[in-house]
Amino acid sequence: MNINKNTINKIAKLSYLEFNKKEEEEISKDLNRILEFVDKLNELDTKNVEPLIYIGVETNILREDEVKQDISKKEALKNAPHKDSDYFKVPKVL
């Protein structure tokens, strides 16, 4: 596959980008180099290689939920700059 001007224009349209002539040439060269690099992977013999499903062998390692410290509502509100009897007061965000 080769990247040409039509392909660059289509990519630009889909991504809402505009390129001048110099940028088109640079992008075309870069994309062609990328495709050449990826095409090198076709040279590898992968007949006896199984598809990779998971990168690592570890599964989710979860810890047990434990209550470390329990504080009362009064203690939680003690250092709040603005508070009501039961709530923290914060600026309205819309």
N, C-alpha and C. Protein backbone atom coordinates (compact mmCIF):
# COMPACT_ATOMS: atom_id res chain seq x y z
N MET A 1 0.85 -1.18 0.00
CA MET A 1 0.00 0.00 0.00
C MET A 1 0.89 1.24 0.00
N ASN A 2 0.47 2.22 -0.74
CA ASN A 2 1.24 3.45 -0.83
C ASN A 2 0.32 4.63 -0.51
N ILE A 3 0.81 5.55 0.27
CA ILE A 3 0.04 6.74 0.62
C ILE A 3 0.23 7.77 -0.47
N ASN A 4 -0.87 8.21 -1.07
CA ASN A 4 -0.80 9.23 -2.10
C ASN A 4 -1.56 10.49 -1.65
N LYS A 5 -1.63 11.46 -2.55
CA LYS A 5 -2.27 12.73 -2.23
C LYS A 5 -3.75 12.55 -1.89
N ASN A 6 -4.43 11.66 -2.62
CA ASN A 6 -5.86 11.42 -2.35
C ASN A 6 -6.07 10.85 -0.95
N THR A 7 -5.20 9.95 -0.54
CA THR A 7 -5.30 9.36 0.80
C THR A 7 -5.07 10.43 1.87
N ILE A 8 -4.07 11.29 1.65
CA ILE A 8 -3.80 12.38 2.60
C ILE A 8 -5.00 13.30 2.70
N ASN A 9 -5.60 13.65 1.55
CA ASN A 9 -6.77 14.53 1.56
C ASN A 9 -7.96 13.89 2.28
N LYS A 10 -8.13 12.59 2.09
CA LYS A 10 -9.23 11.88 2.76
C LYS A 10 -9.01 11.87 4.28
N ILE A 11 -7.78 11.58 4.70
CA ILE A 11 -7.45 11.58 6.13
C ILE A 11 -7.66 12.98 6.72
N ALA A 12 -7.22 13.99 5.98
CA ALA A 12 -7.38 15.37 6.44
C ALA A 12 -8.85 15.73 6.60
N LYS A 13 -9.66 15.32 5.64
CA LYS A 13 -11.10 15.62 5.71
C LYS A 13 -11.75 14.91 6.90
N LEU A 14 -11.41 13.64 7.09
CA LEU A 14 -11.99 12.87 8.19
C LEU A 14 -11.58 13.41 9.56
N SER A 15 -10.38 13.98 9.64
CA SER A 15 -9.89 14.46 10.93
C SER A 15 -10.00 15.97 11.06
N TYR A 16 -10.68 16.60 10.11
CA TYR A 16 -10.89 18.05 10.13
C TYR A 16 -9.56 18.81 10.24
N LEU A 17 -8.58 18.39 9.42
CA LEU A 17 -7.28 19.06 9.38
C LEU A 17 -7.07 19.65 8.00
N GLU A 18 -6.23 20.66 7.96
CA GLU A 18 -5.86 21.26 6.69
C GLU A 18 -4.34 21.24 6.58
N PHE A 19 -3.83 20.81 5.42
CA PHE A 19 -2.39 20.74 5.19
C PHE A 19 -2.02 21.57 3.98
N ASN A 20 -0.90 22.27 4.07
CA ASN A 20 -0.38 22.91 2.87
C ASN A 20 0.45 21.88 2.11
N LYS A 21 1.00 22.26 0.95
CA LYS A 21 1.73 21.31 0.09
C LYS A 21 2.91 20.67 0.81
N LYS A 22 3.68 21.50 1.55
CA LYS A 22 4.86 20.98 2.24
C LYS A 22 4.45 19.97 3.32
N GLU A 23 3.40 20.29 4.07
CA GLU A 23 2.93 19.38 5.12
C GLU A 23 2.41 18.08 4.52
N GLU A 24 1.71 18.18 3.37
CA GLU A 24 1.22 16.97 2.71
C GLU A 24 2.37 16.04 2.35
N GLU A 25 3.44 16.62 1.82
CA GLU A 25 4.60 15.81 1.44
C GLU A 25 5.24 15.15 2.65
N GLU A 26 5.39 15.92 3.74
CA GLU A 26 5.99 15.37 4.95
C GLU A 26 5.13 14.26 5.55
N ILE A 27 3.83 14.48 5.59
CA ILE A 27 2.92 13.47 6.15
C ILE A 27 2.93 12.22 5.27
N SER A 28 2.96 12.43 3.97
CA SER A 28 3.00 11.29 3.06
C SER A 28 4.27 10.46 3.29
N LYS A 29 5.41 11.12 3.43
CA LYS A 29 6.66 10.41 3.70
C LYS A 29 6.58 9.67 5.03
N ASP A 30 6.08 10.34 6.08
CA ASP A 30 5.98 9.71 7.40
C ASP A 30 5.07 8.48 7.36
N LEU A 31 3.90 8.62 6.76
CA LEU A 31 2.96 7.49 6.71
C LEU A 31 3.52 6.34 5.88
N ASN A 32 4.22 6.66 4.79
CA ASN A 32 4.83 5.59 3.99
C ASN A 32 5.92 4.88 4.77
N ARG A 33 6.69 5.61 5.57
CA ARG A 33 7.72 4.98 6.41
C ARG A 33 7.07 4.07 7.45
N ILE A 34 5.97 4.52 8.03
CA ILE A 34 5.25 3.70 9.01
C ILE A 34 4.77 2.41 8.36
N LEU A 35 4.17 2.53 7.17
CA LEU A 35 3.68 1.34 6.47
C LEU A 35 4.81 0.39 6.10
N GLU A 36 5.96 0.93 5.72
CA GLU A 36 7.11 0.08 5.41
C GLU A 36 7.57 -0.68 6.66
N PHE A 37 7.56 0.01 7.78
CA PHE A 37 7.96 -0.64 9.03
C PHE A 37 6.99 -1.76 9.40
N VAL A 38 5.71 -1.49 9.31
CA VAL A 38 4.71 -2.50 9.63
C VAL A 38 4.78 -3.66 8.63
N ASP A 39 5.07 -3.35 7.38
CA ASP A 39 5.18 -4.38 6.36
C ASP A 39 6.34 -5.33 6.64
N LYS A 40 7.37 -4.85 7.33
CA LYS A 40 8.50 -5.71 7.71
C LYS A 40 8.04 -6.86 8.60
N LEU A 41 6.97 -6.65 9.35
CA LEU A 41 6.46 -7.71 10.22
C LEU A 41 5.98 -8.91 9.42
N ASN A 42 5.60 -8.68 8.16
CA ASN A 42 5.16 -9.80 7.32
C ASN A 42 6.31 -10.75 6.99
N GLU A 43 7.54 -10.32 7.18
CA GLU A 43 8.69 -11.17 6.92
C GLU A 43 8.90 -12.22 8.01
N LEU A 44 8.29 -12.02 9.16
CA LEU A 44 8.47 -12.94 10.28
C LEU A 44 7.64 -14.20 10.08
N ASP A 45 8.21 -15.33 10.48
CA ASP A 45 7.49 -16.60 10.42
C ASP A 45 6.68 -16.75 11.71
N THR A 46 5.37 -16.69 11.58
CA THR A 46 4.50 -16.77 12.77
C THR A 46 3.59 -18.01 12.71
N LYS A 47 4.00 -19.03 11.96
CA LYS A 47 3.16 -20.23 11.82
C LYS A 47 2.93 -20.93 13.15
N ASN A 48 3.95 -21.05 13.98
CA ASN A 48 3.83 -21.80 15.23
C ASN A 48 3.65 -20.89 16.45
N VAL A 49 3.24 -19.66 16.22
CA VAL A 49 3.05 -18.72 17.32
C VAL A 49 1.56 -18.59 17.59
N GLU A 50 1.18 -18.87 18.82
CA GLU A 50 -0.23 -18.75 19.17
C GLU A 50 -0.59 -17.29 19.38
N PRO A 51 -1.83 -16.91 19.08
CA PRO A 51 -2.25 -15.52 19.30
C PRO A 51 -2.15 -15.16 20.77
N LEU A 52 -1.75 -13.94 21.03
CA LEU A 52 -1.61 -13.46 22.40
C LEU A 52 -2.94 -12.91 22.88
N ILE A 53 -3.43 -13.48 23.95
CA ILE A 53 -4.70 -13.02 24.50
C ILE A 53 -4.45 -12.04 25.63
N TYR A 54 -3.53 -12.39 26.53
CA TYR A 54 -3.22 -11.54 27.67
C TYR A 54 -1.74 -11.20 27.65
N ILE A 55 -1.41 -9.96 27.97
CA ILE A 55 -0.01 -9.54 28.00
C ILE A 55 0.71 -10.20 29.17
N GLY A 56 0.12 -10.17 30.34
CA GLY A 56 0.75 -10.74 31.52
C GLY A 56 0.03 -12.00 31.96
N VAL A 57 0.67 -12.73 32.86
CA VAL A 57 0.07 -13.97 33.35
C VAL A 57 -0.75 -13.72 34.61
N GLU A 58 -0.60 -12.54 35.18
CA GLU A 58 -1.32 -12.24 36.42
C GLU A 58 -2.75 -11.83 36.12
N THR A 59 -3.62 -12.23 37.02
CA THR A 59 -5.01 -11.78 36.93
C THR A 59 -5.19 -10.69 37.97
N ASN A 60 -6.40 -10.24 38.11
CA ASN A 60 -6.65 -9.18 39.09
C ASN A 60 -6.23 -9.62 40.48
N ILE A 61 -5.34 -8.85 41.06
CA ILE A 61 -4.90 -9.13 42.42
C ILE A 61 -5.55 -8.07 43.30
N LEU A 62 -6.53 -8.49 44.04
CA LEU A 62 -7.30 -7.55 44.86
C LEU A 62 -7.02 -7.80 46.33
N ARG A 63 -7.07 -6.75 47.09
CA ARG A 63 -6.91 -6.89 48.53
C ARG A 63 -8.30 -6.89 49.17
N GLU A 64 -8.37 -7.38 50.35
CA GLU A 64 -9.61 -7.36 51.09
C GLU A 64 -9.91 -5.94 51.53
N ASP A 65 -11.16 -5.55 51.48
CA ASP A 65 -11.56 -4.24 51.97
C ASP A 65 -11.55 -4.26 53.49
N GLU A 66 -10.78 -3.34 54.04
CA GLU A 66 -10.72 -3.24 55.50
C GLU A 66 -10.90 -1.78 55.89
N VAL A 67 -11.64 -1.57 56.96
CA VAL A 67 -11.80 -0.22 57.48
C VAL A 67 -10.53 0.11 58.25
N LYS A 68 -9.79 1.12 57.78
CA LYS A 68 -8.54 1.48 58.43
C LYS A 68 -8.77 2.45 59.58
N GLN A 69 -9.61 3.46 59.31
CA GLN A 69 -9.85 4.45 60.35
C GLN A 69 -11.26 4.97 60.15
N ASP A 70 -12.01 5.01 61.19
CA ASP A 70 -13.38 5.50 61.12
C ASP A 70 -13.45 6.80 61.90
N ILE A 71 -13.90 7.86 61.21
CA ILE A 71 -14.03 9.14 61.92
C ILE A 71 -15.49 9.55 61.91
N SER A 72 -15.82 10.33 62.89
CA SER A 72 -17.20 10.78 63.01
C SER A 72 -17.45 11.96 62.08
N LYS A 73 -18.71 12.29 61.88
CA LYS A 73 -19.08 13.44 61.07
C LYS A 73 -18.50 14.71 61.65
N LYS A 74 -18.53 14.82 62.97
CA LYS A 74 -18.02 16.01 63.66
C LYS A 74 -16.51 16.16 63.40
N GLU A 75 -15.77 15.06 63.48
CA GLU A 75 -14.33 15.11 63.22
C GLU A 75 -14.03 15.46 61.76
N ALA A 76 -14.83 14.94 60.84
CA ALA A 76 -14.63 15.22 59.42
C ALA A 76 -14.86 16.69 59.11
N LEU A 77 -15.84 17.29 59.74
CA LEU A 77 -16.17 18.69 59.47
C LEU A 77 -15.33 19.67 60.28
N LYS A 78 -14.55 19.17 61.22
CA LYS A 78 -13.81 20.02 62.16
C LYS A 78 -12.91 21.02 61.44
N ASN A 79 -12.16 20.63 60.43
CA ASN A 79 -11.21 21.51 59.77
C ASN A 79 -11.72 22.09 58.45
N ALA A 80 -13.01 21.89 58.15
CA ALA A 80 -13.56 22.41 56.90
C ALA A 80 -13.66 23.93 56.97
N PRO A 81 -13.22 24.65 55.92
CA PRO A 81 -13.31 26.11 55.95
C PRO A 81 -14.74 26.62 55.94
N HIS A 82 -15.62 25.92 55.22
CA HIS A 82 -17.04 26.31 55.18
C HIS A 82 -17.87 25.05 55.39
N LYS A 83 -18.75 25.11 56.36
CA LYS A 83 -19.55 23.93 56.66
C LYS A 83 -20.91 24.33 57.19
N ASP A 84 -21.82 23.40 57.09
CA ASP A 84 -23.14 23.52 57.67
C ASP A 84 -23.14 22.52 58.83
N SER A 85 -24.24 22.29 59.44
CA SER A 85 -24.25 21.37 60.56
C SER A 85 -23.89 19.94 60.14
N ASP A 86 -24.24 19.55 58.91
CA ASP A 86 -24.00 18.18 58.45
C ASP A 86 -23.20 18.08 57.16
N TYR A 87 -22.89 19.22 56.51
CA TYR A 87 -22.32 19.16 55.16
C TYR A 87 -21.14 20.11 55.00
N PHE A 88 -20.28 19.78 54.02
CA PHE A 88 -19.25 20.71 53.59
C PHE A 88 -19.94 21.69 52.65
N LYS A 89 -19.61 22.98 52.75
CA LYS A 89 -20.13 23.97 51.83
C LYS A 89 -19.05 24.26 50.79
N VAL A 90 -19.43 24.16 49.52
CA VAL A 90 -18.50 24.43 48.44
C VAL A 90 -19.16 25.39 47.45
N PRO A 91 -18.34 26.08 46.64
CA PRO A 91 -18.92 26.98 45.65
C PRO A 91 -19.78 26.20 44.63
N LYS A 92 -20.81 26.85 44.14
CA LYS A 92 -21.68 26.23 43.16
C LYS A 92 -20.92 26.09 41.85
N VAL A 93 -20.99 24.91 41.25
CA VAL A 93 -20.31 24.64 39.99
C VAL A 93 -21.38 24.21 38.99
N LEU A 94 -21.47 24.94 37.90
CA LEU A 94 -22.44 24.60 36.86
C LEU A 94 -21.74 24.36 35.56
